[in-house]
Amino acid sequence: MEEVIKKIIYIENQAQKVMDSAEQEKLDRKNELDQSLKQLKETILDDTNKKIKTIRDAEINEVKKEAQVKEAECISRVQSIQKHYEEKCEEWANSLVEAVLKR
């Protein structure tokens, strides 16, 4: 009888060790999973930020190019107006003087 009790106690201790080991493994796996999840989130966030920066930089460059084109168009128009003024300035002045003198 005493031998049976000792065997039961031994088996129960062994079972407790198995349960403790399983619980520790469960915690270890949970910690690994939490760490992997954290790392994955950081990687996704970093990748997303890089993509956002790439897109932002591309859009900024596109806007700068458009601004340069519009600025060149404006400069061209101003030069054209200036040239037209220089060509017609005397004619316009004479027409104005003539119109005023006719009154």
N, C-alpha and C. Protein backbone atom coordinates (compact mmCIF):
# COMPACT_ATOMS: atom_id res chain seq x y z
N MET A 1 0.81 -1.19 0.00
CA MET A 1 0.00 0.00 0.00
C MET A 1 0.86 1.26 0.00
N GLU A 2 1.87 1.22 0.83
CA GLU A 2 2.78 2.36 0.90
C GLU A 2 3.49 2.56 -0.44
N GLU A 3 3.80 1.47 -1.07
CA GLU A 3 4.46 1.52 -2.36
C GLU A 3 3.54 2.15 -3.40
N VAL A 4 2.27 1.86 -3.36
CA VAL A 4 1.28 2.41 -4.28
C VAL A 4 1.16 3.91 -4.06
N ILE A 5 1.12 4.32 -2.80
CA ILE A 5 1.02 5.75 -2.48
C ILE A 5 2.25 6.49 -3.00
N LYS A 6 3.44 5.90 -2.81
CA LYS A 6 4.66 6.52 -3.30
C LYS A 6 4.64 6.63 -4.83
N LYS A 7 4.13 5.60 -5.47
CA LYS A 7 4.05 5.61 -6.94
C LYS A 7 3.06 6.68 -7.41
N ILE A 8 1.95 6.81 -6.71
CA ILE A 8 0.95 7.83 -7.06
C ILE A 8 1.56 9.23 -6.88
N ILE A 9 2.25 9.43 -5.78
CA ILE A 9 2.90 10.72 -5.53
C ILE A 9 3.95 11.00 -6.61
N TYR A 10 4.72 9.98 -6.97
CA TYR A 10 5.74 10.13 -8.01
C TYR A 10 5.09 10.51 -9.34
N ILE A 11 4.02 9.81 -9.68
CA ILE A 11 3.31 10.08 -10.94
C ILE A 11 2.73 11.49 -10.91
N GLU A 12 2.17 11.87 -9.78
CA GLU A 12 1.60 13.22 -9.67
C GLU A 12 2.69 14.28 -9.80
N ASN A 13 3.85 14.05 -9.20
CA ASN A 13 4.97 14.98 -9.34
C ASN A 13 5.43 15.07 -10.79
N GLN A 14 5.51 13.93 -11.44
CA GLN A 14 5.91 13.90 -12.85
C GLN A 14 4.88 14.65 -13.69
N ALA A 15 3.61 14.42 -13.41
CA ALA A 15 2.55 15.10 -14.14
C ALA A 15 2.64 16.62 -13.93
N GLN A 16 2.93 17.01 -12.68
CA GLN A 16 3.05 18.44 -12.38
C GLN A 16 4.23 19.05 -13.15
N LYS A 17 5.34 18.29 -13.23
CA LYS A 17 6.49 18.76 -14.00
C LYS A 17 6.13 18.93 -15.47
N VAL A 18 5.39 17.96 -16.00
CA VAL A 18 4.96 18.05 -17.40
C VAL A 18 4.05 19.27 -17.59
N MET A 19 3.13 19.48 -16.66
CA MET A 19 2.21 20.63 -16.74
C MET A 19 2.99 21.95 -16.64
N ASP A 20 3.94 22.01 -15.72
CA ASP A 20 4.76 23.22 -15.57
C ASP A 20 5.58 23.47 -16.83
N SER A 21 6.14 22.41 -17.36
CA SER A 21 6.92 22.53 -18.58
C SER A 21 6.05 23.01 -19.74
N ALA A 22 4.85 22.44 -19.85
CA ALA A 22 3.92 22.84 -20.91
C ALA A 22 3.50 24.30 -20.72
N GLU A 23 3.26 24.70 -19.50
CA GLU A 23 2.87 26.09 -19.22
C GLU A 23 4.02 27.04 -19.58
N GLN A 24 5.24 26.65 -19.23
CA GLN A 24 6.41 27.48 -19.56
C GLN A 24 6.59 27.57 -21.07
N GLU A 25 6.40 26.45 -21.76
CA GLU A 25 6.51 26.46 -23.21
C GLU A 25 5.43 27.34 -23.83
N LYS A 26 4.24 27.29 -23.27
CA LYS A 26 3.14 28.14 -23.73
C LYS A 26 3.51 29.61 -23.56
N LEU A 27 4.07 29.97 -22.42
CA LEU A 27 4.49 31.36 -22.19
C LEU A 27 5.61 31.77 -23.13
N ASP A 28 6.57 30.85 -23.33
CA ASP A 28 7.67 31.13 -24.24
C ASP A 28 7.15 31.37 -25.67
N ARG A 29 6.25 30.52 -26.10
CA ARG A 29 5.67 30.67 -27.45
C ARG A 29 4.89 31.99 -27.56
N LYS A 30 4.15 32.33 -26.50
CA LYS A 30 3.39 33.59 -26.51
C LYS A 30 4.35 34.77 -26.60
N ASN A 31 5.43 34.72 -25.84
CA ASN A 31 6.43 35.80 -25.89
C ASN A 31 7.08 35.89 -27.26
N GLU A 32 7.40 34.76 -27.84
CA GLU A 32 7.97 34.74 -29.19
C GLU A 32 6.99 35.33 -30.20
N LEU A 33 5.73 34.93 -30.07
CA LEU A 33 4.71 35.44 -30.97
C LEU A 33 4.52 36.94 -30.78
N ASP A 34 4.48 37.40 -29.54
CA ASP A 34 4.36 38.83 -29.27
C ASP A 34 5.53 39.60 -29.87
N GLN A 35 6.73 39.06 -29.70
CA GLN A 35 7.93 39.71 -30.24
C GLN A 35 7.89 39.73 -31.77
N SER A 36 7.48 38.62 -32.36
CA SER A 36 7.38 38.56 -33.83
C SER A 36 6.34 39.55 -34.33
N LEU A 37 5.23 39.64 -33.64
CA LEU A 37 4.17 40.56 -34.02
C LEU A 37 4.65 42.01 -33.91
N LYS A 38 5.35 42.31 -32.84
CA LYS A 38 5.90 43.66 -32.66
C LYS A 38 6.88 44.00 -33.78
N GLN A 39 7.74 43.05 -34.10
CA GLN A 39 8.72 43.27 -35.16
C GLN A 39 8.03 43.43 -36.52
N LEU A 40 7.00 42.63 -36.76
CA LEU A 40 6.25 42.73 -38.00
C LEU A 40 5.57 44.10 -38.11
N LYS A 41 4.98 44.57 -37.03
CA LYS A 41 4.35 45.89 -37.03
C LYS A 41 5.37 46.98 -37.34
N GLU A 42 6.55 46.88 -36.72
CA GLU A 42 7.60 47.87 -36.96
C GLU A 42 8.05 47.84 -38.41
N THR A 43 8.19 46.64 -38.96
CA THR A 43 8.61 46.50 -40.35
C THR A 43 7.57 47.10 -41.29
N ILE A 44 6.30 46.79 -41.02
CA ILE A 44 5.22 47.33 -41.86
C ILE A 44 5.19 48.84 -41.75
N LEU A 45 5.33 49.37 -40.55
CA LEU A 45 5.32 50.81 -40.35
C LEU A 45 6.50 51.46 -41.07
N ASP A 46 7.68 50.87 -40.96
CA ASP A 46 8.85 51.41 -41.66
C ASP A 46 8.65 51.38 -43.18
N ASP A 47 8.16 50.26 -43.69
CA ASP A 47 7.92 50.14 -45.13
C ASP A 47 6.88 51.17 -45.59
N THR A 48 5.84 51.32 -44.80
CA THR A 48 4.78 52.27 -45.14
C THR A 48 5.34 53.70 -45.15
N ASN A 49 6.13 54.04 -44.16
CA ASN A 49 6.72 55.37 -44.11
C ASN A 49 7.66 55.62 -45.29
N LYS A 50 8.41 54.59 -45.68
CA LYS A 50 9.29 54.73 -46.84
C LYS A 50 8.48 54.95 -48.11
N LYS A 51 7.39 54.20 -48.26
CA LYS A 51 6.54 54.36 -49.44
C LYS A 51 5.90 55.75 -49.46
N ILE A 52 5.44 56.20 -48.30
CA ILE A 52 4.85 57.54 -48.20
C ILE A 52 5.87 58.60 -48.61
N LYS A 53 7.10 58.46 -48.11
CA LYS A 53 8.16 59.42 -48.44
C LYS A 53 8.45 59.38 -49.94
N THR A 54 8.52 58.18 -50.50
CA THR A 54 8.78 58.06 -51.94
C THR A 54 7.69 58.74 -52.76
N ILE A 55 6.44 58.47 -52.38
CA ILE A 55 5.31 59.08 -53.10
C ILE A 55 5.32 60.59 -52.92
N ARG A 56 5.55 61.05 -51.69
CA ARG A 56 5.58 62.48 -51.41
C ARG A 56 6.69 63.16 -52.22
N ASP A 57 7.87 62.55 -52.23
CA ASP A 57 8.99 63.12 -52.98
C ASP A 57 8.66 63.18 -54.48
N ALA A 58 8.05 62.12 -54.99
CA ALA A 58 7.68 62.10 -56.41
C ALA A 58 6.66 63.20 -56.72
N GLU A 59 5.67 63.37 -55.84
CA GLU A 59 4.66 64.40 -56.06
C GLU A 59 5.27 65.80 -55.96
N ILE A 60 6.17 65.98 -55.01
CA ILE A 60 6.84 67.29 -54.88
C ILE A 60 7.65 67.59 -56.14
N ASN A 61 8.37 66.59 -56.64
CA ASN A 61 9.16 66.78 -57.87
C ASN A 61 8.26 67.11 -59.05
N GLU A 62 7.12 66.44 -59.12
CA GLU A 62 6.18 66.70 -60.21
C GLU A 62 5.65 68.13 -60.13
N VAL A 63 5.30 68.56 -58.92
CA VAL A 63 4.79 69.92 -58.74
C VAL A 63 5.88 70.94 -59.08
N LYS A 64 7.12 70.65 -58.69
CA LYS A 64 8.22 71.56 -59.02
C LYS A 64 8.40 71.66 -60.53
N LYS A 65 8.32 70.52 -61.22
CA LYS A 65 8.45 70.53 -62.68
C LYS A 65 7.34 71.36 -63.31
N GLU A 66 6.11 71.15 -62.83
CA GLU A 66 4.97 71.92 -63.35
C GLU A 66 5.17 73.41 -63.09
N ALA A 67 5.67 73.75 -61.90
CA ALA A 67 5.91 75.15 -61.56
C ALA A 67 6.98 75.75 -62.47
N GLN A 68 8.02 74.97 -62.77
CA GLN A 68 9.07 75.46 -63.66
C GLN A 68 8.52 75.70 -65.07
N VAL A 69 7.66 74.79 -65.52
CA VAL A 69 7.06 74.95 -66.85
C VAL A 69 6.19 76.21 -66.87
N LYS A 70 5.37 76.40 -65.83
CA LYS A 70 4.50 77.58 -65.78
C LYS A 70 5.33 78.86 -65.67
N GLU A 71 6.40 78.80 -64.89
CA GLU A 71 7.27 79.98 -64.76
C GLU A 71 7.91 80.31 -66.10
N ALA A 72 8.35 79.30 -66.82
CA ALA A 72 8.95 79.51 -68.15
C ALA A 72 7.91 80.11 -69.11
N GLU A 73 6.67 79.62 -69.02
CA GLU A 73 5.60 80.17 -69.86
C GLU A 73 5.35 81.64 -69.52
N CYS A 74 5.33 81.94 -68.24
CA CYS A 74 5.10 83.33 -67.81
C CYS A 74 6.24 84.24 -68.28
N ILE A 75 7.46 83.77 -68.12
CA ILE A 75 8.61 84.56 -68.57
C ILE A 75 8.52 84.79 -70.08
N SER A 76 8.15 83.76 -70.80
CA SER A 76 8.01 83.88 -72.25
C SER A 76 6.92 84.89 -72.62
N ARG A 77 5.80 84.84 -71.90
CA ARG A 77 4.71 85.79 -72.17
C ARG A 77 5.14 87.22 -71.87
N VAL A 78 5.83 87.41 -70.73
CA VAL A 78 6.29 88.75 -70.37
C VAL A 78 7.27 89.26 -71.43
N GLN A 79 8.17 88.40 -71.88
CA GLN A 79 9.13 88.80 -72.91
C GLN A 79 8.41 89.14 -74.21
N SER A 80 7.39 88.35 -74.53
CA SER A 80 6.61 88.61 -75.75
C SER A 80 5.88 89.95 -75.65
N ILE A 81 5.29 90.21 -74.48
CA ILE A 81 4.59 91.48 -74.27
C ILE A 81 5.58 92.64 -74.32
N GLN A 82 6.73 92.44 -73.68
CA GLN A 82 7.76 93.48 -73.68
C GLN A 82 8.22 93.77 -75.11
N LYS A 83 8.43 92.73 -75.90
CA LYS A 83 8.87 92.90 -77.29
C LYS A 83 7.80 93.63 -78.10
N HIS A 84 6.54 93.21 -77.89
CA HIS A 84 5.43 93.84 -78.60
C HIS A 84 5.33 95.32 -78.22
N TYR A 85 5.52 95.61 -76.94
CA TYR A 85 5.50 97.00 -76.47
C TYR A 85 6.62 97.81 -77.14
N GLU A 86 7.81 97.22 -77.16
CA GLU A 86 8.95 97.93 -77.76
C GLU A 86 8.71 98.18 -79.25
N GLU A 87 8.07 97.23 -79.92
CA GLU A 87 7.80 97.38 -81.34
C GLU A 87 6.71 98.43 -81.60
N LYS A 88 5.73 98.52 -80.73
CA LYS A 88 4.57 99.36 -80.98
C LYS A 88 4.55 100.65 -80.14
N CYS A 89 5.50 100.80 -79.24
CA CYS A 89 5.49 101.93 -78.32
C CYS A 89 5.37 103.26 -79.05
N GLU A 90 6.23 103.47 -80.03
CA GLU A 90 6.22 104.75 -80.75
C GLU A 90 4.92 104.93 -81.53
N GLU A 91 4.46 103.86 -82.14
CA GLU A 91 3.21 103.92 -82.91
C GLU A 91 2.04 104.26 -81.99
N TRP A 92 2.00 103.63 -80.81
CA TRP A 92 0.91 103.91 -79.87
C TRP A 92 0.98 105.35 -79.35
N ALA A 93 2.19 105.81 -79.09
CA ALA A 93 2.35 107.18 -78.61
C ALA A 93 1.88 108.16 -79.67
N ASN A 94 2.27 107.90 -80.91
CA ASN A 94 1.85 108.78 -82.00
C ASN A 94 0.34 108.75 -82.18
N SER A 95 -0.26 107.56 -82.10
CA SER A 95 -1.72 107.45 -82.23
C SER A 95 -2.41 108.19 -81.11
N LEU A 96 -1.88 108.11 -79.93
CA LEU A 96 -2.46 108.79 -78.78
C LEU A 96 -2.36 110.30 -78.93
N VAL A 97 -1.21 110.75 -79.32
CA VAL A 97 -1.02 112.20 -79.53
C VAL A 97 -1.94 112.68 -80.63
N GLU A 98 -2.02 111.93 -81.70
CA GLU A 98 -2.88 112.29 -82.83
C GLU A 98 -4.34 112.34 -82.41
N ALA A 99 -4.76 111.37 -81.60
CA ALA A 99 -6.15 111.34 -81.14
C ALA A 99 -6.44 112.53 -80.23
N VAL A 100 -5.50 112.89 -79.40
CA VAL A 100 -5.69 114.01 -78.49
C VAL A 100 -5.72 115.32 -79.28
N LEU A 101 -4.85 115.44 -80.29
CA LEU A 101 -4.81 116.68 -81.07
C LEU A 101 -6.04 116.85 -81.95
N LYS A 102 -6.68 115.75 -82.33
CA LYS A 102 -7.88 115.83 -83.18
C LYS A 102 -9.07 116.38 -82.40
N ARG A 103 -9.03 116.35 -81.11
CA ARG A 103 -10.16 116.80 -80.30
C ARG A 103 -10.16 118.26 -80.25
